[in-house]
Amino acid sequence: REAGRIRARSGRGVLVKAPKSSQDLRFDLPTVGSKTIEGVARAGLAGMAVIAGNTIAADTQGMIEAADRAGLFIEGLPA
């Protein structure tokens, strides 16, 4: 937001974590955790969506607690 890359008002916008179309899912999956949630909060986004089954959630409980503290949502989307 500070760099001008996010133009929507604060509390709008969603981070979507998904593998790239050419990404080899056997070796390289997108990963999210509590630091990801902290970045979403700093960016002033509303929440985060991840592709279920194709995203690694590190420290799931810590991530959920961070999202709860920041008032953010986490949504799983079908692959």
PDB file of N, CA and C in Angstrom:
ATOM      1  N   ARG A   1       0.838  -1.178   0.000  1.00  0.00           N
ATOM      2  CA  ARG A   1       0.000   0.000   0.000  1.00  0.00           C
ATOM      3  C   ARG A   1       0.889   1.249   0.000  1.00  0.00           C
ATOM      4  N   GLU A   2       1.915   1.269   0.844  1.00  0.00           N
ATOM      5  CA  GLU A   2       2.804   2.432   0.912  1.00  0.00           C
ATOM      6  C   GLU A   2       3.542   2.665  -0.398  1.00  0.00           C
ATOM      7  N   ALA A   3       3.852   1.590  -1.115  1.00  0.00           N
ATOM      8  CA  ALA A   3       4.569   1.712  -2.387  1.00  0.00           C
ATOM      9  C   ALA A   3       3.630   1.997  -3.552  1.00  0.00           C
ATOM     10  N   GLY A   4       2.320   2.083  -3.279  1.00  0.00           N
ATOM     11  CA  GLY A   4       1.365   2.381  -4.330  1.00  0.00           C
ATOM     12  C   GLY A   4       0.922   1.177  -5.138  1.00  0.00           C
ATOM     13  N   ARG A   5       1.318  -0.028  -4.719  1.00  0.00           N
ATOM     14  CA  ARG A   5       0.940  -1.232  -5.463  1.00  0.00           C
ATOM     15  C   ARG A   5      -0.469  -1.683  -5.116  1.00  0.00           C
ATOM     16  N   ILE A   6      -0.990  -1.275  -3.967  1.00  0.00           N
ATOM     17  CA  ILE A   6      -2.362  -1.605  -3.566  1.00  0.00           C
ATOM     18  C   ILE A   6      -3.127  -0.295  -3.540  1.00  0.00           C
ATOM     19  N   ARG A   7      -4.114  -0.176  -4.413  1.00  0.00           N
ATOM     20  CA  ARG A   7      -4.830   1.090  -4.530  1.00  0.00           C
ATOM     21  C   ARG A   7      -6.179   1.092  -3.822  1.00  0.00           C
ATOM     22  N   ALA A   8      -6.689  -0.076  -3.468  1.00  0.00           N
ATOM     23  CA  ALA A   8      -7.990  -0.163  -2.796  1.00  0.00           C
ATOM     24  C   ALA A   8      -7.889   0.407  -1.389  1.00  0.00           C
ATOM     25  N   ARG A   9      -9.032   0.849  -0.868  1.00  0.00           N
ATOM     26  CA  ARG A   9      -9.059   1.343   0.505  1.00  0.00           C
ATOM     27  C   ARG A   9      -8.658   0.230   1.468  1.00  0.00           C
ATOM     28  N   SER A  10      -8.184   0.619   2.629  1.00  0.00           N
ATOM     29  CA  SER A  10      -7.808  -0.352   3.656  1.00  0.00           C
ATOM     30  C   SER A  10      -9.014  -1.210   4.026  1.00  0.00           C
ATOM     31  N   GLY A  11      -8.759  -2.494   4.286  1.00  0.00           N
ATOM     32  CA  GLY A  11      -9.837  -3.427   4.612  1.00  0.00           C
ATOM     33  C   GLY A  11     -10.457  -4.059   3.387  1.00  0.00           C
ATOM     34  N   ARG A  12      -9.921  -3.755   2.222  1.00  0.00           N
ATOM     35  CA  ARG A  12     -10.378  -4.362   0.974  1.00  0.00           C
ATOM     36  C   ARG A  12      -9.195  -5.087   0.357  1.00  0.00           C
ATOM     37  N   GLY A  13      -9.480  -6.033  -0.466  1.00  0.00           N
ATOM     38  CA  GLY A  13      -8.420  -6.786  -1.117  1.00  0.00           C
ATOM     39  C   GLY A  13      -8.125  -8.071  -0.365  1.00  0.00           C
ATOM     40  N   VAL A  14      -7.639  -9.038  -1.113  1.00  0.00           N
ATOM     41  CA  VAL A  14      -7.379 -10.368  -0.572  1.00  0.00           C
ATOM     42  C   VAL A  14      -6.065 -10.879  -1.137  1.00  0.00           C
ATOM     43  N   LEU A  15      -5.236 -11.454  -0.281  1.00  0.00           N
ATOM     44  CA  LEU A  15      -4.052 -12.163  -0.746  1.00  0.00           C
ATOM     45  C   LEU A  15      -4.494 -13.562  -1.143  1.00  0.00           C
ATOM     46  N   VAL A  16      -4.149 -13.995  -2.352  1.00  0.00           N
ATOM     47  CA  VAL A  16      -4.471 -15.351  -2.800  1.00  0.00           C
ATOM     48  C   VAL A  16      -3.160 -16.103  -2.972  1.00  0.00           C
ATOM     49  N   LYS A  17      -2.999 -17.195  -2.224  1.00  0.00           N
ATOM     50  CA  LYS A  17      -1.817 -18.046  -2.346  1.00  0.00           C
ATOM     51  C   LYS A  17      -2.212 -19.271  -3.155  1.00  0.00           C
ATOM     52  N   ALA A  18      -1.602 -19.405  -4.317  1.00  0.00           N
ATOM     53  CA  ALA A  18      -1.904 -20.510  -5.219  1.00  0.00           C
ATOM     54  C   ALA A  18      -0.636 -20.864  -5.985  1.00  0.00           C
ATOM     55  N   PRO A  19      -0.503 -22.114  -6.372  1.00  0.00           N
ATOM     56  CA  PRO A  19       0.670 -22.477  -7.176  1.00  0.00           C
ATOM     57  C   PRO A  19       0.567 -21.857  -8.566  1.00  0.00           C
ATOM     58  N   LYS A  20       1.723 -21.576  -9.134  1.00  0.00           N
ATOM     59  CA  LYS A  20       1.776 -21.093 -10.523  1.00  0.00           C
ATOM     60  C   LYS A  20       1.406 -22.244 -11.448  1.00  0.00           C
ATOM     61  N   SER A  21       0.949 -21.930 -12.623  1.00  0.00           N
ATOM     62  CA  SER A  21       0.513 -22.978 -13.553  1.00  0.00           C
ATOM     63  C   SER A  21       1.640 -23.941 -13.920  1.00  0.00           C
ATOM     64  N   SER A  22       2.883 -23.463 -13.923  1.00  0.00           N
ATOM     65  CA  SER A  22       4.014 -24.319 -14.287  1.00  0.00           C
ATOM     66  C   SER A  22       4.748 -24.896 -13.073  1.00  0.00           C
ATOM     67  N   GLN A  23       4.243 -24.655 -11.881  1.00  0.00           N
ATOM     68  CA  GLN A  23       4.911 -25.079 -10.653  1.00  0.00           C
ATOM     69  C   GLN A  23       4.790 -26.595 -10.469  1.00  0.00           C
ATOM     70  N   ASP A  24       5.898 -27.244 -10.141  1.00  0.00           N
ATOM     71  CA  ASP A  24       5.911 -28.682  -9.906  1.00  0.00           C
ATOM     72  C   ASP A  24       5.443 -28.954  -8.484  1.00  0.00           C
ATOM     73  N   LEU A  25       4.206 -29.413  -8.340  1.00  0.00           N
ATOM     74  CA  LEU A  25       3.597 -29.597  -7.022  1.00  0.00           C
ATOM     75  C   LEU A  25       4.200 -30.753  -6.236  1.00  0.00           C
ATOM     76  N   ARG A  26       5.044 -31.555  -6.864  1.00  0.00           N
ATOM     77  CA  ARG A  26       5.705 -32.642  -6.142  1.00  0.00           C
ATOM     78  C   ARG A  26       6.795 -32.100  -5.227  1.00  0.00           C
ATOM     79  N   PHE A  27       7.358 -30.945  -5.559  1.00  0.00           N
ATOM     80  CA  PHE A  27       8.520 -30.433  -4.839  1.00  0.00           C
ATOM     81  C   PHE A  27       8.349 -29.038  -4.270  1.00  0.00           C
ATOM     82  N   ASP A  28       7.392 -28.283  -4.776  1.00  0.00           N
ATOM     83  CA  ASP A  28       7.331 -26.859  -4.453  1.00  0.00           C
ATOM     84  C   ASP A  28       5.881 -26.405  -4.324  1.00  0.00           C
ATOM     85  N   LEU A  29       5.442 -26.225  -3.085  1.00  0.00           N
ATOM     86  CA  LEU A  29       4.076 -25.754  -2.838  1.00  0.00           C
ATOM     87  C   LEU A  29       4.114 -24.382  -2.180  1.00  0.00           C
ATOM     88  N   PRO A  30       3.121 -23.532  -2.458  1.00  0.00           N
ATOM     89  CA  PRO A  30       3.033 -22.271  -1.722  1.00  0.00           C
ATOM     90  C   PRO A  30       2.875 -22.567  -0.230  1.00  0.00           C
ATOM     91  N   THR A  31       3.454 -21.719   0.598  1.00  0.00           N
ATOM     92  CA  THR A  31       3.406 -21.920   2.045  1.00  0.00           C
ATOM     93  C   THR A  31       2.901 -20.648   2.717  1.00  0.00           C
ATOM     94  N   VAL A  32       2.050 -20.824   3.726  1.00  0.00           N
ATOM     95  CA  VAL A  32       1.536 -19.693   4.498  1.00  0.00           C
ATOM     96  C   VAL A  32       1.719 -19.992   5.978  1.00  0.00           C
ATOM     97  N   GLY A  33       1.745 -18.935   6.769  1.00  0.00           N
ATOM     98  CA  GLY A  33       1.875 -19.090   8.215  1.00  0.00           C
ATOM     99  C   GLY A  33       1.530 -17.788   8.894  1.00  0.00           C
ATOM    100  N   SER A  34       1.892 -17.682  10.162  1.00  0.00           N
ATOM    101  CA  SER A  34       1.542 -16.483  10.923  1.00  0.00           C
ATOM    102  C   SER A  34       2.232 -15.239  10.369  1.00  0.00           C
ATOM    103  N   LYS A  35       3.436 -15.377   9.816  1.00  0.00           N
ATOM    104  CA  LYS A  35       4.112 -14.218   9.214  1.00  0.00           C
ATOM    105  C   LYS A  35       3.368 -13.744   7.969  1.00  0.00           C
ATOM    106  N   THR A  36       2.776 -14.673   7.242  1.00  0.00           N
ATOM    107  CA  THR A  36       1.969 -14.291   6.079  1.00  0.00           C
ATOM    108  C   THR A  36       0.789 -13.446   6.535  1.00  0.00           C
ATOM    109  N   ILE A  37       0.135 -13.872   7.613  1.00  0.00           N
ATOM    110  CA  ILE A  37      -1.014 -13.136   8.151  1.00  0.00           C
ATOM    111  C   ILE A  37      -0.574 -11.756   8.626  1.00  0.00           C
ATOM    112  N   GLU A  38       0.578 -11.674   9.258  1.00  0.00           N
ATOM    113  CA  GLU A  38       1.087 -10.372   9.697  1.00  0.00           C
ATOM    114  C   GLU A  38       1.290  -9.446   8.505  1.00  0.00           C
ATOM    115  N   GLY A  39       1.785  -9.983   7.396  1.00  0.00           N
ATOM    116  CA  GLY A  39       1.958  -9.185   6.180  1.00  0.00           C
ATOM    117  C   GLY A  39       0.632  -8.743   5.589  1.00  0.00           C
ATOM    118  N   VAL A  40      -0.365  -9.629   5.622  1.00  0.00           N
ATOM    119  CA  VAL A  40      -1.707  -9.280   5.148  1.00  0.00           C
ATOM    120  C   VAL A  40      -2.263  -8.135   5.989  1.00  0.00           C
ATOM    121  N   ALA A  41      -2.076  -8.205   7.299  1.00  0.00           N
ATOM    122  CA  ALA A  41      -2.557  -7.148   8.199  1.00  0.00           C
ATOM    123  C   ALA A  41      -1.828  -5.832   7.921  1.00  0.00           C
ATOM    124  N   ARG A  42      -0.496  -5.882   7.773  1.00  0.00           N
ATOM    125  CA  ARG A  42       0.285  -4.664   7.495  1.00  0.00           C
ATOM    126  C   ARG A  42      -0.140  -4.023   6.178  1.00  0.00           C
ATOM    127  N   ALA A  43      -0.500  -4.851   5.204  1.00  0.00           N
ATOM    128  CA  ALA A  43      -0.917  -4.333   3.896  1.00  0.00           C
ATOM    129  C   ALA A  43      -2.329  -3.767   3.931  1.00  0.00           C
ATOM    130  N   GLY A  44      -3.055  -3.982   5.026  1.00  0.00           N
ATOM    131  CA  GLY A  44      -4.407  -3.463   5.137  1.00  0.00           C
ATOM    132  C   GLY A  44      -5.416  -4.231   4.310  1.00  0.00           C
ATOM    133  N   LEU A  45      -5.129  -5.518   4.055  1.00  0.00           N
ATOM    134  CA  LEU A  45      -6.061  -6.342   3.299  1.00  0.00           C
ATOM    135  C   LEU A  45      -7.143  -6.896   4.213  1.00  0.00           C
ATOM    136  N   ALA A  46      -8.193  -7.454   3.609  1.00  0.00           N
ATOM    137  CA  ALA A  46      -9.304  -7.996   4.389  1.00  0.00           C
ATOM    138  C   ALA A  46      -9.040  -9.427   4.850  1.00  0.00           C
ATOM    139  N   GLY A  47      -8.214 -10.165   4.105  1.00  0.00           N
ATOM    140  CA  GLY A  47      -7.951 -11.548   4.465  1.00  0.00           C
ATOM    141  C   GLY A  47      -7.119 -12.256   3.417  1.00  0.00           C
ATOM    142  N   MET A  48      -7.142 -13.595   3.509  1.00  0.00           N
ATOM    143  CA  MET A  48      -6.313 -14.420   2.638  1.00  0.00           C
ATOM    144  C   MET A  48      -7.100 -15.635   2.172  1.00  0.00           C
ATOM    145  N   ALA A  49      -6.918 -15.997   0.921  1.00  0.00           N
ATOM    146  CA  ALA A  49      -7.496 -17.223   0.366  1.00  0.00           C
ATOM    147  C   ALA A  49      -6.347 -18.124  -0.075  1.00  0.00           C
ATOM    148  N   VAL A  50      -6.488 -19.415   0.194  1.00  0.00           N
ATOM    149  CA  VAL A  50      -5.468 -20.389  -0.207  1.00  0.00           C
ATOM    150  C   VAL A  50      -6.141 -21.508  -0.992  1.00  0.00           C
ATOM    151  N   ILE A  51      -5.384 -22.118  -1.875  1.00  0.00           N
ATOM    152  CA  ILE A  51      -5.888 -23.260  -2.626  1.00  0.00           C
ATOM    153  C   ILE A  51      -5.728 -24.492  -1.742  1.00  0.00           C
ATOM    154  N   ALA A  52      -6.845 -25.032  -1.286  1.00  0.00           N
ATOM    155  CA  ALA A  52      -6.837 -26.183  -0.380  1.00  0.00           C
ATOM    156  C   ALA A  52      -6.213 -27.389  -1.073  1.00  0.00           C
ATOM    157  N   GLY A  53      -5.353 -28.070  -0.359  1.00  0.00           N
ATOM    158  CA  GLY A  53      -4.690 -29.248  -0.897  1.00  0.00           C
ATOM    159  C   GLY A  53      -3.446 -28.929  -1.694  1.00  0.00           C
ATOM    160  N   ASN A  54      -3.248 -27.673  -2.062  1.00  0.00           N
ATOM    161  CA  ASN A  54      -2.065 -27.265  -2.823  1.00  0.00           C
ATOM    162  C   ASN A  54      -1.292 -26.158  -2.128  1.00  0.00           C
ATOM    163  N   THR A  55      -1.507 -25.994  -0.824  1.00  0.00           N
ATOM    164  CA  THR A  55      -0.816 -24.978  -0.042  1.00  0.00           C
ATOM    165  C   THR A  55      -0.430 -25.578   1.303  1.00  0.00           C
ATOM    166  N   ILE A  56       0.804 -25.341   1.722  1.00  0.00           N
ATOM    167  CA  ILE A  56       1.254 -25.808   3.028  1.00  0.00           C
ATOM    168  C   ILE A  56       0.944 -24.728   4.052  1.00  0.00           C
ATOM    169  N   ALA A  57       0.285 -25.111   5.138  1.00  0.00           N
ATOM    170  CA  ALA A  57       0.006 -24.193   6.235  1.00  0.00           C
ATOM    171  C   ALA A  57       0.962 -24.520   7.377  1.00  0.00           C
ATOM    172  N   ALA A  58       1.961 -23.676   7.581  1.00  0.00           N
ATOM    173  CA  ALA A  58       2.918 -23.851   8.674  1.00  0.00           C
ATOM    174  C   ALA A  58       2.343 -23.222   9.929  1.00  0.00           C
ATOM    175  N   ASP A  59       2.447 -23.888  11.045  1.00  0.00           N
ATOM    176  CA  ASP A  59       1.935 -23.397  12.324  1.00  0.00           C
ATOM    177  C   ASP A  59       0.484 -22.940  12.171  1.00  0.00           C
ATOM    178  N   THR A  60      -0.367 -23.890  11.836  1.00  0.00           N
ATOM    179  CA  THR A  60      -1.774 -23.592  11.557  1.00  0.00           C
ATOM    180  C   THR A  60      -2.434 -22.845  12.706  1.00  0.00           C
ATOM    181  N   GLN A  61      -2.237 -23.302  13.920  1.00  0.00           N
ATOM    182  CA  GLN A  61      -2.878 -22.657  15.073  1.00  0.00           C
ATOM    183  C   GLN A  61      -2.388 -21.226  15.232  1.00  0.00           C
ATOM    184  N   GLY A  62      -1.085 -21.000  15.088  1.00  0.00           N
ATOM    185  CA  GLY A  62      -0.529 -19.644  15.179  1.00  0.00           C
ATOM    186  C   GLY A  62      -1.076 -18.739  14.094  1.00  0.00           C
ATOM    187  N   MET A  63      -1.263 -19.295  12.912  1.00  0.00           N
ATOM    188  CA  MET A  63      -1.818 -18.531  11.795  1.00  0.00           C
ATOM    189  C   MET A  63      -3.266 -18.131  12.093  1.00  0.00           C
ATOM    190  N   ILE A  64      -4.047 -19.055  12.609  1.00  0.00           N
ATOM    191  CA  ILE A  64      -5.448 -18.772  12.949  1.00  0.00           C
ATOM    192  C   ILE A  64      -5.522 -17.719  14.053  1.00  0.00           C
ATOM    193  N   GLU A  65      -4.688 -17.861  15.066  1.00  0.00           N
ATOM    194  CA  GLU A  65      -4.689 -16.889  16.165  1.00  0.00           C
ATOM    195  C   GLU A  65      -4.293 -15.502  15.671  1.00  0.00           C
ATOM    196  N   ALA A  66      -3.286 -15.427  14.787  1.00  0.00           N
ATOM    197  CA  ALA A  66      -2.870 -14.136  14.229  1.00  0.00           C
ATOM    198  C   ALA A  66      -3.997 -13.511  13.415  1.00  0.00           C
ATOM    199  N   ALA A  67      -4.698 -14.330  12.635  1.00  0.00           N
ATOM    200  CA  ALA A  67      -5.822 -13.824  11.833  1.00  0.00           C
ATOM    201  C   ALA A  67      -6.941 -13.335  12.750  1.00  0.00           C
ATOM    202  N   ASP A  68      -7.234 -14.078  13.807  1.00  0.00           N
ATOM    203  CA  ASP A  68      -8.273 -13.660  14.758  1.00  0.00           C
ATOM    204  C   ASP A  68      -7.909 -12.328  15.413  1.00  0.00           C
ATOM    205  N   ARG A  69      -6.659 -12.192  15.845  1.00  0.00           N
ATOM    206  CA  ARG A  69      -6.217 -10.944  16.485  1.00  0.00           C
ATOM    207  C   ARG A  69      -6.349  -9.754  15.543  1.00  0.00           C
ATOM    208  N   ALA A  70      -6.044  -9.981  14.268  1.00  0.00           N
ATOM    209  CA  ALA A  70      -6.065  -8.899  13.287  1.00  0.00           C
ATOM    210  C   ALA A  70      -7.447  -8.695  12.664  1.00  0.00           C
ATOM    211  N   GLY A  71      -8.402  -9.576  12.965  1.00  0.00           N
ATOM    212  CA  GLY A  71      -9.739  -9.458  12.388  1.00  0.00           C
ATOM    213  C   GLY A  71      -9.776  -9.803  10.911  1.00  0.00           C
ATOM    214  N   LEU A  72      -8.927 -10.748  10.495  1.00  0.00           N
ATOM    215  CA  LEU A  72      -8.830 -11.153   9.096  1.00  0.00           C
ATOM    216  C   LEU A  72      -9.479 -12.515   8.882  1.00  0.00           C
ATOM    217  N   PHE A  73      -9.862 -12.782   7.649  1.00  0.00           N
ATOM    218  CA  PHE A  73     -10.401 -14.111   7.326  1.00  0.00           C
ATOM    219  C   PHE A  73      -9.354 -14.932   6.587  1.00  0.00           C
ATOM    220  N   ILE A  74      -9.499 -16.245   6.680  1.00  0.00           N
ATOM    221  CA  ILE A  74      -8.713 -17.195   5.884  1.00  0.00           C
ATOM    222  C   ILE A  74      -9.732 -18.112   5.223  1.00  0.00           C
ATOM    223  N   GLU A  75      -9.658 -18.216   3.916  1.00  0.00           N
ATOM    224  CA  GLU A  75     -10.627 -19.017   3.151  1.00  0.00           C
ATOM    225  C   GLU A  75      -9.873 -20.048   2.328  1.00  0.00           C
ATOM    226  N   GLY A  76     -10.356 -21.287   2.359  1.00  0.00           N
ATOM    227  CA  GLY A  76      -9.813 -22.341   1.510  1.00  0.00           C
ATOM    228  C   GLY A  76     -10.647 -22.458   0.237  1.00  0.00           C
ATOM    229  N   LEU A  77      -9.983 -22.448  -0.894  1.00  0.00           N
ATOM    230  CA  LEU A  77     -10.666 -22.555  -2.182  1.00  0.00           C
ATOM    231  C   LEU A  77     -10.363 -23.918  -2.807  1.00  0.00           C
ATOM    232  N   PRO A  78     -11.281 -24.474  -3.580  1.00  0.00           N
ATOM    233  CA  PRO A  78     -11.014 -25.769  -4.205  1.00  0.00           C
ATOM    234  C   PRO A  78      -9.914 -25.656  -5.264  1.00  0.00           C
ATOM    235  N   ALA A  79      -9.167 -26.745  -5.413  1.00  0.00           N
ATOM    236  CA  ALA A  79      -8.076 -26.770  -6.395  1.00  0.00           C
ATOM    237  C   ALA A  79      -8.628 -26.784  -7.801  1.00  0.00           C
TER     238      ALA A  79
END
